[in-house]
PDB file of N, CA and C in Angstrom:
ATOM      1  N   MET A   1     -34.265 113.958   1.965  1.00  0.00           N
ATOM      2  CA  MET A   1     -32.825 113.927   2.255  1.00  0.00           C
ATOM      3  C   MET A   1     -32.640 112.881   3.728  1.00  0.00           C
ATOM      4  N   LEU A   2     -31.746 112.746   3.817  1.00  0.00           N
ATOM      5  CA  LEU A   2     -31.183 112.147   4.935  1.00  0.00           C
ATOM      6  C   LEU A   2     -30.744 112.715   6.222  1.00  0.00           C
ATOM      7  N   THR A   3     -30.802 112.824   7.860  1.00  0.00           N
ATOM      8  CA  THR A   3     -30.480 113.346   8.810  1.00  0.00           C
ATOM      9  C   THR A   3     -29.042 112.799   8.595  1.00  0.00           C
ATOM     10  N   LYS A   4     -28.202 113.449  10.103  1.00  0.00           N
ATOM     11  CA  LYS A   4     -27.073 112.750  10.327  1.00  0.00           C
ATOM     12  C   LYS A   4     -27.230 111.464  10.738  1.00  0.00           C
ATOM     13  N   ARG A   5     -28.008 111.497  11.754  1.00  0.00           N
ATOM     14  CA  ARG A   5     -28.741 110.647  12.548  1.00  0.00           C
ATOM     15  C   ARG A   5     -29.534 109.047  11.860  1.00  0.00           C
ATOM     16  N   GLN A   6     -29.898 109.358  10.658  1.00  0.00           N
ATOM     17  CA  GLN A   6     -29.867 108.537   9.799  1.00  0.00           C
ATOM     18  C   GLN A   6     -29.037 107.901   8.923  1.00  0.00           C
ATOM     19  N   LYS A   7     -28.148 108.747   8.696  1.00  0.00           N
ATOM     20  CA  LYS A   7     -27.190 108.054   7.626  1.00  0.00           C
ATOM     21  C   LYS A   7     -26.199 107.108   8.648  1.00  0.00           C
ATOM     22  N   SER A   8     -26.279 107.761   9.846  1.00  0.00           N
ATOM     23  CA  SER A   8     -25.445 107.182  10.740  1.00  0.00           C
ATOM     24  C   SER A   8     -25.408 105.903  11.318  1.00  0.00           C
ATOM     25  N   THR A   9     -26.917 105.740  11.294  1.00  0.00           N
ATOM     26  CA  THR A   9     -27.444 104.054  11.338  1.00  0.00           C
ATOM     27  C   THR A   9     -27.500 103.480  10.485  1.00  0.00           C
ATOM     28  N   VAL A  10     -27.783 104.145   9.360  1.00  0.00           N
ATOM     29  CA  VAL A  10     -27.148 102.945   8.153  1.00  0.00           C
ATOM     30  C   VAL A  10     -26.280 102.760   8.044  1.00  0.00           C
ATOM     31  N   VAL A  11     -24.976 103.822   8.086  1.00  0.00           N
ATOM     32  CA  VAL A  11     -23.680 103.167   7.610  1.00  0.00           C
ATOM     33  C   VAL A  11     -23.442 101.999   8.973  1.00  0.00           C
ATOM     34  N   LYS A  12     -23.307 102.291  10.106  1.00  0.00           N
ATOM     35  CA  LYS A  12     -23.391 100.862  10.915  1.00  0.00           C
ATOM     36  C   LYS A  12     -23.952  99.894  10.949  1.00  0.00           C
ATOM     37  N   GLU A  13     -24.778  99.605  10.279  1.00  0.00           N
ATOM     38  CA  GLU A  13     -25.315  98.316   9.813  1.00  0.00           C
ATOM     39  C   GLU A  13     -24.713  97.748   8.608  1.00  0.00           C
ATOM     40  N   ALA A  14     -24.339  98.752   7.673  1.00  0.00           N
ATOM     41  CA  ALA A  14     -23.873  98.049   6.614  1.00  0.00           C
ATOM     42  C   ALA A  14     -22.243  98.075   6.711  1.00  0.00           C
ATOM     43  N   GLN A  15     -21.317  98.876   7.062  1.00  0.00           N
ATOM     44  CA  GLN A  15     -20.013  98.839   7.473  1.00  0.00           C
ATOM     45  C   GLN A  15     -19.405  97.598   7.563  1.00  0.00           C
ATOM     46  N   LYS A  16     -18.127  97.151   6.950  1.00  0.00           N
ATOM     47  CA  LYS A  16     -17.465  95.866   7.139  1.00  0.00           C
ATOM     48  C   LYS A  16     -16.531  96.277   8.549  1.00  0.00           C
ATOM     49  N   HIS A  17     -16.153  97.306   8.718  1.00  0.00           N
ATOM     50  CA  HIS A  17     -15.222  97.714   9.654  1.00  0.00           C
ATOM     51  C   HIS A  17     -15.455  98.761  10.373  1.00  0.00           C
ATOM     52  N   ASP A  18     -14.921  99.431  11.407  1.00  0.00           N
ATOM     53  CA  ASP A  18     -15.441 100.635  11.992  1.00  0.00           C
ATOM     54  C   ASP A  18     -14.861 102.006  11.539  1.00  0.00           C
ATOM     55  N   LYS A  19     -14.468 101.804  10.779  1.00  0.00           N
ATOM     56  CA  LYS A  19     -14.185 103.146   9.739  1.00  0.00           C
ATOM     57  C   LYS A  19     -14.576 103.487   8.538  1.00  0.00           C
ATOM     58  N   ASP A  20     -15.304 102.112   7.789  1.00  0.00           N
ATOM     59  CA  ASP A  20     -16.309 101.752   6.581  1.00  0.00           C
ATOM     60  C   ASP A  20     -17.230 102.858   6.839  1.00  0.00           C
ATOM     61  N   THR A  21     -16.902 103.804   5.632  1.00  0.00           N
ATOM     62  CA  THR A  21     -18.111 104.632   5.078  1.00  0.00           C
ATOM     63  C   THR A  21     -18.462 104.789   3.600  1.00  0.00           C
ATOM     64  N   GLY A  22     -17.921 103.818   2.331  1.00  0.00           N
ATOM     65  CA  GLY A  22     -17.335 104.046   1.335  1.00  0.00           C
ATOM     66  C   GLY A  22     -17.775 102.834   0.550  1.00  0.00           C
ATOM     67  N   SER A  23     -17.831 101.554   1.592  1.00  0.00           N
ATOM     68  CA  SER A  23     -18.014 100.651   0.785  1.00  0.00           C
ATOM     69  C   SER A  23     -19.210 100.220  -0.332  1.00  0.00           C
ATOM     70  N   ALA A  24     -19.550  99.737  -1.067  1.00  0.00           N
ATOM     71  CA  ALA A  24     -20.296  99.310  -1.635  1.00  0.00           C
ATOM     72  C   ALA A  24     -21.561  98.946  -0.838  1.00  0.00           C
ATOM     73  N   GLU A  25     -21.288  98.026  -0.066  1.00  0.00           N
ATOM     74  CA  GLU A  25     -22.484  97.558   0.762  1.00  0.00           C
ATOM     75  C   GLU A  25     -23.180  98.709   1.580  1.00  0.00           C
ATOM     76  N   VAL A  26     -22.170  99.905   1.779  1.00  0.00           N
ATOM     77  CA  VAL A  26     -22.992 101.308   2.776  1.00  0.00           C
ATOM     78  C   VAL A  26     -23.427 101.672   1.387  1.00  0.00           C
ATOM     79  N   GLN A  27     -22.972 102.108   0.438  1.00  0.00           N
ATOM     80  CA  GLN A  27     -23.530 103.073  -0.405  1.00  0.00           C
ATOM     81  C   GLN A  27     -24.688 102.553  -0.849  1.00  0.00           C
ATOM     82  N   VAL A  28     -24.788 100.877  -0.913  1.00  0.00           N
ATOM     83  CA  VAL A  28     -26.314 100.413  -1.304  1.00  0.00           C
ATOM     84  C   VAL A  28     -27.441 100.537  -0.219  1.00  0.00           C
ATOM     85  N   GLY A  29     -26.942 100.703   1.143  1.00  0.00           N
ATOM     86  CA  GLY A  29     -27.876 100.769   1.923  1.00  0.00           C
ATOM     87  C   GLY A  29     -28.064 102.469   2.238  1.00  0.00           C
ATOM     88  N   LEU A  30     -27.269 103.241   2.061  1.00  0.00           N
ATOM     89  CA  LEU A  30     -28.017 104.842   1.825  1.00  0.00           C
ATOM     90  C   LEU A  30     -28.925 104.670   0.554  1.00  0.00           C
ATOM     91  N   LEU A  31     -28.188 104.631  -0.405  1.00  0.00           N
ATOM     92  CA  LEU A  31     -29.059 104.646  -1.639  1.00  0.00           C
ATOM     93  C   LEU A  31     -30.351 103.995  -1.225  1.00  0.00           C
ATOM     94  N   THR A  32     -30.648 102.736  -0.470  1.00  0.00           N
ATOM     95  CA  THR A  32     -31.990 102.254  -0.558  1.00  0.00           C
ATOM     96  C   THR A  32     -33.004 103.138   0.342  1.00  0.00           C
ATOM     97  N   LYS A  33     -32.276 103.700   1.347  1.00  0.00           N
ATOM     98  CA  LYS A  33     -32.615 104.805   2.568  1.00  0.00           C
ATOM     99  C   LYS A  33     -33.330 105.426   2.172  1.00  0.00           C
ATOM    100  N   ARG A  34     -32.695 106.221   0.886  1.00  0.00           N
ATOM    101  CA  ARG A  34     -32.724 107.441  -0.015  1.00  0.00           C
ATOM    102  C   ARG A  34     -33.919 107.093  -1.152  1.00  0.00           C
ATOM    103  N   ILE A  35     -33.843 106.433  -1.626  1.00  0.00           N
ATOM    104  CA  ILE A  35     -35.087 105.536  -2.375  1.00  0.00           C
ATOM    105  C   ILE A  35     -36.200 105.491  -2.158  1.00  0.00           C
ATOM    106  N   LYS A  36     -36.420 104.793  -0.590  1.00  0.00           N
ATOM    107  CA  LYS A  36     -37.590 104.446   0.435  1.00  0.00           C
ATOM    108  C   LYS A  36     -37.836 105.902   0.455  1.00  0.00           C
ATOM    109  N   GLU A  37     -37.422 106.854   0.919  1.00  0.00           N
ATOM    110  CA  GLU A  37     -38.051 108.161   1.293  1.00  0.00           C
ATOM    111  C   GLU A  37     -38.632 108.984   0.127  1.00  0.00           C
ATOM    112  N   LEU A  38     -37.548 108.770  -1.002  1.00  0.00           N
ATOM    113  CA  LEU A  38     -38.290 110.018  -2.428  1.00  0.00           C
ATOM    114  C   LEU A  38     -39.692 109.014  -2.996  1.00  0.00           C
ATOM    115  N   SER A  39     -39.297 107.268  -2.908  1.00  0.00           N
ATOM    116  CA  SER A  39     -40.423 106.944  -3.222  1.00  0.00           C
ATOM    117  C   SER A  39     -41.883 107.433  -2.760  1.00  0.00           C
ATOM    118  N   ASP A  40     -41.869 107.350  -0.973  1.00  0.00           N
ATOM    119  CA  ASP A  40     -43.073 107.922  -0.145  1.00  0.00           C
ATOM    120  C   ASP A  40     -42.921 109.262  -0.744  1.00  0.00           C
ATOM    121  N   HIS A  41     -42.672 110.041  -0.760  1.00  0.00           N
ATOM    122  CA  HIS A  41     -42.562 111.448  -1.229  1.00  0.00           C
ATOM    123  C   HIS A  41     -43.621 111.893  -2.655  1.00  0.00           C
ATOM    124  N   LEU A  42     -42.928 110.656  -3.782  1.00  0.00           N
ATOM    125  CA  LEU A  42     -43.640 110.241  -4.991  1.00  0.00           C
ATOM    126  C   LEU A  42     -45.207 110.137  -4.887  1.00  0.00           C
ATOM    127  N   LYS A  43     -45.413 109.470  -4.001  1.00  0.00           N
ATOM    128  CA  LYS A  43     -47.095 109.018  -3.838  1.00  0.00           C
ATOM    129  C   LYS A  43     -47.576 110.161  -3.478  1.00  0.00           C
ATOM    130  N   LYS A  44     -47.311 111.196  -2.852  1.00  0.00           N
ATOM    131  CA  LYS A  44     -47.967 112.355  -2.459  1.00  0.00           C
ATOM    132  C   LYS A  44     -47.923 113.477  -3.311  1.00  0.00           C
ATOM    133  N   HIS A  45     -46.740 113.166  -4.159  1.00  0.00           N
ATOM    134  CA  HIS A  45     -46.910 113.857  -5.532  1.00  0.00           C
ATOM    135  C   HIS A  45     -46.476 113.688  -6.858  1.00  0.00           C
ATOM    136  N   GLN A  46     -47.714 113.157  -7.240  1.00  0.00           N
ATOM    137  CA  GLN A  46     -47.489 112.519  -8.580  1.00  0.00           C
ATOM    138  C   GLN A  46     -46.548 113.091  -9.392  1.00  0.00           C
ATOM    139  N   LYS A  47     -46.670 114.575  -9.605  1.00  0.00           N
ATOM    140  CA  LYS A  47     -46.443 115.655 -10.520  1.00  0.00           C
ATOM    141  C   LYS A  47     -45.034 116.169 -10.472  1.00  0.00           C
ATOM    142  N   ASP A  48     -44.164 115.831  -9.271  1.00  0.00           N
ATOM    143  CA  ASP A  48     -42.934 115.984  -9.397  1.00  0.00           C
ATOM    144  C   ASP A  48     -41.769 115.010 -10.105  1.00  0.00           C
ATOM    145  N   HIS A  49     -41.654 115.756 -11.472  1.00  0.00           N
ATOM    146  CA  HIS A  49     -40.970 115.013 -12.204  1.00  0.00           C
ATOM    147  C   HIS A  49     -39.483 115.059 -12.427  1.00  0.00           C
ATOM    148  N   HIS A  50     -39.015 115.909 -11.705  1.00  0.00           N
ATOM    149  CA  HIS A  50     -37.736 116.355 -11.173  1.00  0.00           C
ATOM    150  C   HIS A  50     -37.205 115.292 -10.404  1.00  0.00           C
ATOM    151  N   SER A  51     -38.033 115.085  -9.258  1.00  0.00           N
ATOM    152  CA  SER A  51     -37.817 114.201  -8.075  1.00  0.00           C
ATOM    153  C   SER A  51     -37.765 112.599  -8.795  1.00  0.00           C
ATOM    154  N   ARG A  52     -38.626 112.616  -9.681  1.00  0.00           N
ATOM    155  CA  ARG A  52     -38.874 111.170 -10.284  1.00  0.00           C
ATOM    156  C   ARG A  52     -37.787 111.136 -11.201  1.00  0.00           C
ATOM    157  N   ARG A  53     -37.076 111.569 -11.412  1.00  0.00           N
ATOM    158  CA  ARG A  53     -35.826 111.482 -12.584  1.00  0.00           C
ATOM    159  C   ARG A  53     -34.570 111.634 -11.441  1.00  0.00           C
ATOM    160  N   GLY A  54     -34.592 111.951 -10.138  1.00  0.00           N
ATOM    161  CA  GLY A  54     -33.529 111.603  -9.292  1.00  0.00           C
ATOM    162  C   GLY A  54     -33.644 110.591  -8.843  1.00  0.00           C
ATOM    163  N   LEU A  55     -34.804 110.211  -8.457  1.00  0.00           N
ATOM    164  CA  LEU A  55     -35.306 108.349  -8.462  1.00  0.00           C
ATOM    165  C   LEU A  55     -34.649 107.494  -8.925  1.00  0.00           C
ATOM    166  N   LEU A  56     -35.172 107.736 -10.302  1.00  0.00           N
ATOM    167  CA  LEU A  56     -34.820 106.485 -11.242  1.00  0.00           C
ATOM    168  C   LEU A  56     -33.235 106.221 -11.413  1.00  0.00           C
ATOM    169  N   LEU A  57     -32.392 108.011 -11.236  1.00  0.00           N
ATOM    170  CA  LEU A  57     -30.817 107.873 -11.115  1.00  0.00           C
ATOM    171  C   LEU A  57     -30.264 106.816  -9.945  1.00  0.00           C
ATOM    172  N   MET A  58     -31.433 107.162  -8.457  1.00  0.00           N
ATOM    173  CA  MET A  58     -30.595 106.532  -7.795  1.00  0.00           C
ATOM    174  C   MET A  58     -30.469 105.162  -7.895  1.00  0.00           C
ATOM    175  N   VAL A  59     -31.740 105.147  -8.492  1.00  0.00           N
ATOM    176  CA  VAL A  59     -32.041 103.155  -8.697  1.00  0.00           C
ATOM    177  C   VAL A  59     -31.138 102.494  -9.644  1.00  0.00           C
ATOM    178  N   GLY A  60     -30.239 103.340 -11.151  1.00  0.00           N
ATOM    179  CA  GLY A  60     -30.062 102.846 -11.937  1.00  0.00           C
ATOM    180  C   GLY A  60     -28.539 102.632 -10.968  1.00  0.00           C
ATOM    181  N   LYS A  61     -27.903 103.469 -10.041  1.00  0.00           N
ATOM    182  CA  LYS A  61     -27.013 103.876  -9.550  1.00  0.00           C
ATOM    183  C   LYS A  61     -26.945 102.537  -8.286  1.00  0.00           C
ATOM    184  N   ARG A  62     -28.121 102.100  -8.024  1.00  0.00           N
ATOM    185  CA  ARG A  62     -27.599 101.104  -6.769  1.00  0.00           C
ATOM    186  C   ARG A  62     -27.885  99.898  -7.838  1.00  0.00           C
ATOM    187  N   ARG A  63     -28.270  99.697  -8.891  1.00  0.00           N
ATOM    188  CA  ARG A  63     -28.143  98.694  -9.411  1.00  0.00           C
ATOM    189  C   ARG A  63     -26.771  98.270  -9.931  1.00  0.00           C
ATOM    190  N   ARG A  64     -26.287  99.487 -10.003  1.00  0.00           N
ATOM    191  CA  ARG A  64     -24.960  98.902 -11.031  1.00  0.00           C
ATOM    192  C   ARG A  64     -23.512  98.589  -9.528  1.00  0.00           C
ATOM    193  N   PHE A  65     -24.154  99.380  -8.642  1.00  0.00           N
ATOM    194  CA  PHE A  65     -23.255  98.604  -7.390  1.00  0.00           C
ATOM    195  C   PHE A  65     -23.643  97.251  -6.696  1.00  0.00           C
ATOM    196  N   LEU A  66     -24.762  96.705  -7.200  1.00  0.00           N
ATOM    197  CA  LEU A  66     -25.174  95.498  -6.433  1.00  0.00           C
ATOM    198  C   LEU A  66     -24.766  94.856  -7.553  1.00  0.00           C
ATOM    199  N   GLN A  67     -24.710  94.996  -9.293  1.00  0.00           N
ATOM    200  CA  GLN A  67     -23.991  94.231 -10.436  1.00  0.00           C
ATOM    201  C   GLN A  67     -22.687  94.130  -9.787  1.00  0.00           C
ATOM    202  N   TYR A  68     -21.903  95.286  -9.346  1.00  0.00           N
ATOM    203  CA  TYR A  68     -20.572  94.573  -8.783  1.00  0.00           C
ATOM    204  C   TYR A  68     -20.336  93.950  -7.977  1.00  0.00           C
ATOM    205  N   LEU A  69     -21.151  94.091  -6.743  1.00  0.00           N
ATOM    206  CA  LEU A  69     -20.954  93.021  -5.695  1.00  0.00           C
ATOM    207  C   LEU A  69     -21.389  91.814  -5.860  1.00  0.00           C
ATOM    208  N   LYS A  70     -21.663  91.545  -7.010  1.00  0.00           N
ATOM    209  CA  LYS A  70     -22.058  90.117  -7.527  1.00  0.00           C
ATOM    210  C   LYS A  70     -21.254  89.546  -8.078  1.00  0.00           C
ATOM    211  N   ARG A  71     -20.501  90.426  -8.637  1.00  0.00           N
ATOM    212  CA  ARG A  71     -19.411  90.015  -9.304  1.00  0.00           C
ATOM    213  C   ARG A  71     -18.297  89.856  -8.673  1.00  0.00           C
ATOM    214  N   GLU A  72     -18.307  90.942  -7.685  1.00  0.00           N
ATOM    215  CA  GLU A  72     -16.802  90.487  -7.248  1.00  0.00           C
ATOM    216  C   GLU A  72     -17.028  89.474  -5.532  1.00  0.00           C
ATOM    217  N   ASP A  73     -18.018  89.301  -5.061  1.00  0.00           N
ATOM    218  CA  ASP A  73     -18.286  88.693  -3.750  1.00  0.00           C
ATOM    219  C   ASP A  73     -19.841  88.364  -3.780  1.00  0.00           C
ATOM    220  N   GLU A  74     -20.003  87.293  -4.300  1.00  0.00           N
ATOM    221  CA  GLU A  74     -21.775  86.916  -4.378  1.00  0.00           C
ATOM    222  C   GLU A  74     -22.309  86.675  -2.711  1.00  0.00           C
ATOM    223  N   LYS A  75     -21.468  85.887  -2.230  1.00  0.00           N
ATOM    224  CA  LYS A  75     -22.481  85.686  -0.966  1.00  0.00           C
ATOM    225  C   LYS A  75     -22.282  87.157  -0.199  1.00  0.00           C
ATOM    226  N   THR A  76     -21.416  88.076  -0.390  1.00  0.00           N
ATOM    227  CA  THR A  76     -21.787  89.370   0.550  1.00  0.00           C
ATOM    228  C   THR A  76     -23.303  89.966  -0.104  1.00  0.00           C
ATOM    229  N   HIS A  77     -23.199  89.901  -1.716  1.00  0.00           N
ATOM    230  CA  HIS A  77     -24.358  90.492  -2.437  1.00  0.00           C
ATOM    231  C   HIS A  77     -25.453  89.701  -1.740  1.00  0.00           C
ATOM    232  N   GLY A  78     -25.977  88.464  -1.665  1.00  0.00           N
ATOM    233  CA  GLY A  78     -26.885  87.845  -1.411  1.00  0.00           C
ATOM    234  C   GLY A  78     -27.029  88.012   0.328  1.00  0.00           C
ATOM    235  N   LYS A  79     -26.365  88.217   1.385  1.00  0.00           N
ATOM    236  CA  LYS A  79     -26.902  88.914   2.143  1.00  0.00           C
ATOM    237  C   LYS A  79     -27.467  90.246   2.340  1.00  0.00           C
ATOM    238  N   LEU A  80     -26.834  91.396   1.757  1.00  0.00           N
ATOM    239  CA  LEU A  80     -26.740  92.396   1.580  1.00  0.00           C
ATOM    240  C   LEU A  80     -28.705  92.387   0.729  1.00  0.00           C
ATOM    241  N   VAL A  81     -28.367  91.669  -0.277  1.00  0.00           N
ATOM    242  CA  VAL A  81     -30.213  91.812  -0.789  1.00  0.00           C
ATOM    243  C   VAL A  81     -31.144  91.476   0.264  1.00  0.00           C
ATOM    244  N   LYS A  82     -30.651  90.379   1.302  1.00  0.00           N
ATOM    245  CA  LYS A  82     -31.775  89.863   2.430  1.00  0.00           C
ATOM    246  C   LYS A  82     -32.295  90.600   3.185  1.00  0.00           C
ATOM    247  N   LYS A  83     -30.734  91.434   3.538  1.00  0.00           N
ATOM    248  CA  LYS A  83     -30.939  92.161   4.887  1.00  0.00           C
ATOM    249  C   LYS A  83     -31.723  93.777   4.050  1.00  0.00           C
ATOM    250  N   LEU A  84     -31.493  93.949   3.224  1.00  0.00           N
ATOM    251  CA  LEU A  84     -32.237  95.381   2.787  1.00  0.00           C
ATOM    252  C   LEU A  84     -34.040  95.143   2.303  1.00  0.00           C
ATOM    253  N   GLY A  85     -34.056  93.691   2.171  1.00  0.00           N
ATOM    254  CA  GLY A  85     -35.543  93.481   1.225  1.00  0.00           C
ATOM    255  C   GLY A  85     -35.846  93.430  -0.010  1.00  0.00           C
ATOM    256  N   LEU A  86     -34.006  93.406  -1.067  1.00  0.00           N
ATOM    257  CA  LEU A  86     -34.717  93.712  -2.146  1.00  0.00           C
ATOM    258  C   LEU A  86     -34.951  92.957  -2.829  1.00  0.00           C
ATOM    259  N   GLU A  87     -35.520  91.137  -2.435  1.00  0.00           N
ATOM    260  CA  GLU A  87     -35.100  90.368  -2.807  1.00  0.00           C
ATOM    261  C   GLU A  87     -36.475  90.593  -4.159  1.00  0.00           C
ATOM    262  N   ALA A  88     -36.734  90.133  -5.050  1.00  0.00           N
ATOM    263  CA  ALA A  88     -37.504  90.140  -6.406  1.00  0.00           C
ATOM    264  C   ALA A  88     -38.092  89.139  -6.483  1.00  0.00           C
TER     265      ALA A  88
END
């Protein structure tokens, strides 16, 4: 789970303007941070299937946000993918 401080730093990095807290870019940034934390947790606790299911749901949600961004604004999508290190 993200603390308020962690969440605010991720939001500040990804936001378009001062009051932006819900854009697709911010959501992808928050999901990426949560996915990284949860994947670290699952390295220690391999049999935690409930958390694994939550991780898969988050990965799917992030993928849908990225598909939306690519469809709407490909330049922003490219910048965000590079910034978050999601290139495959």
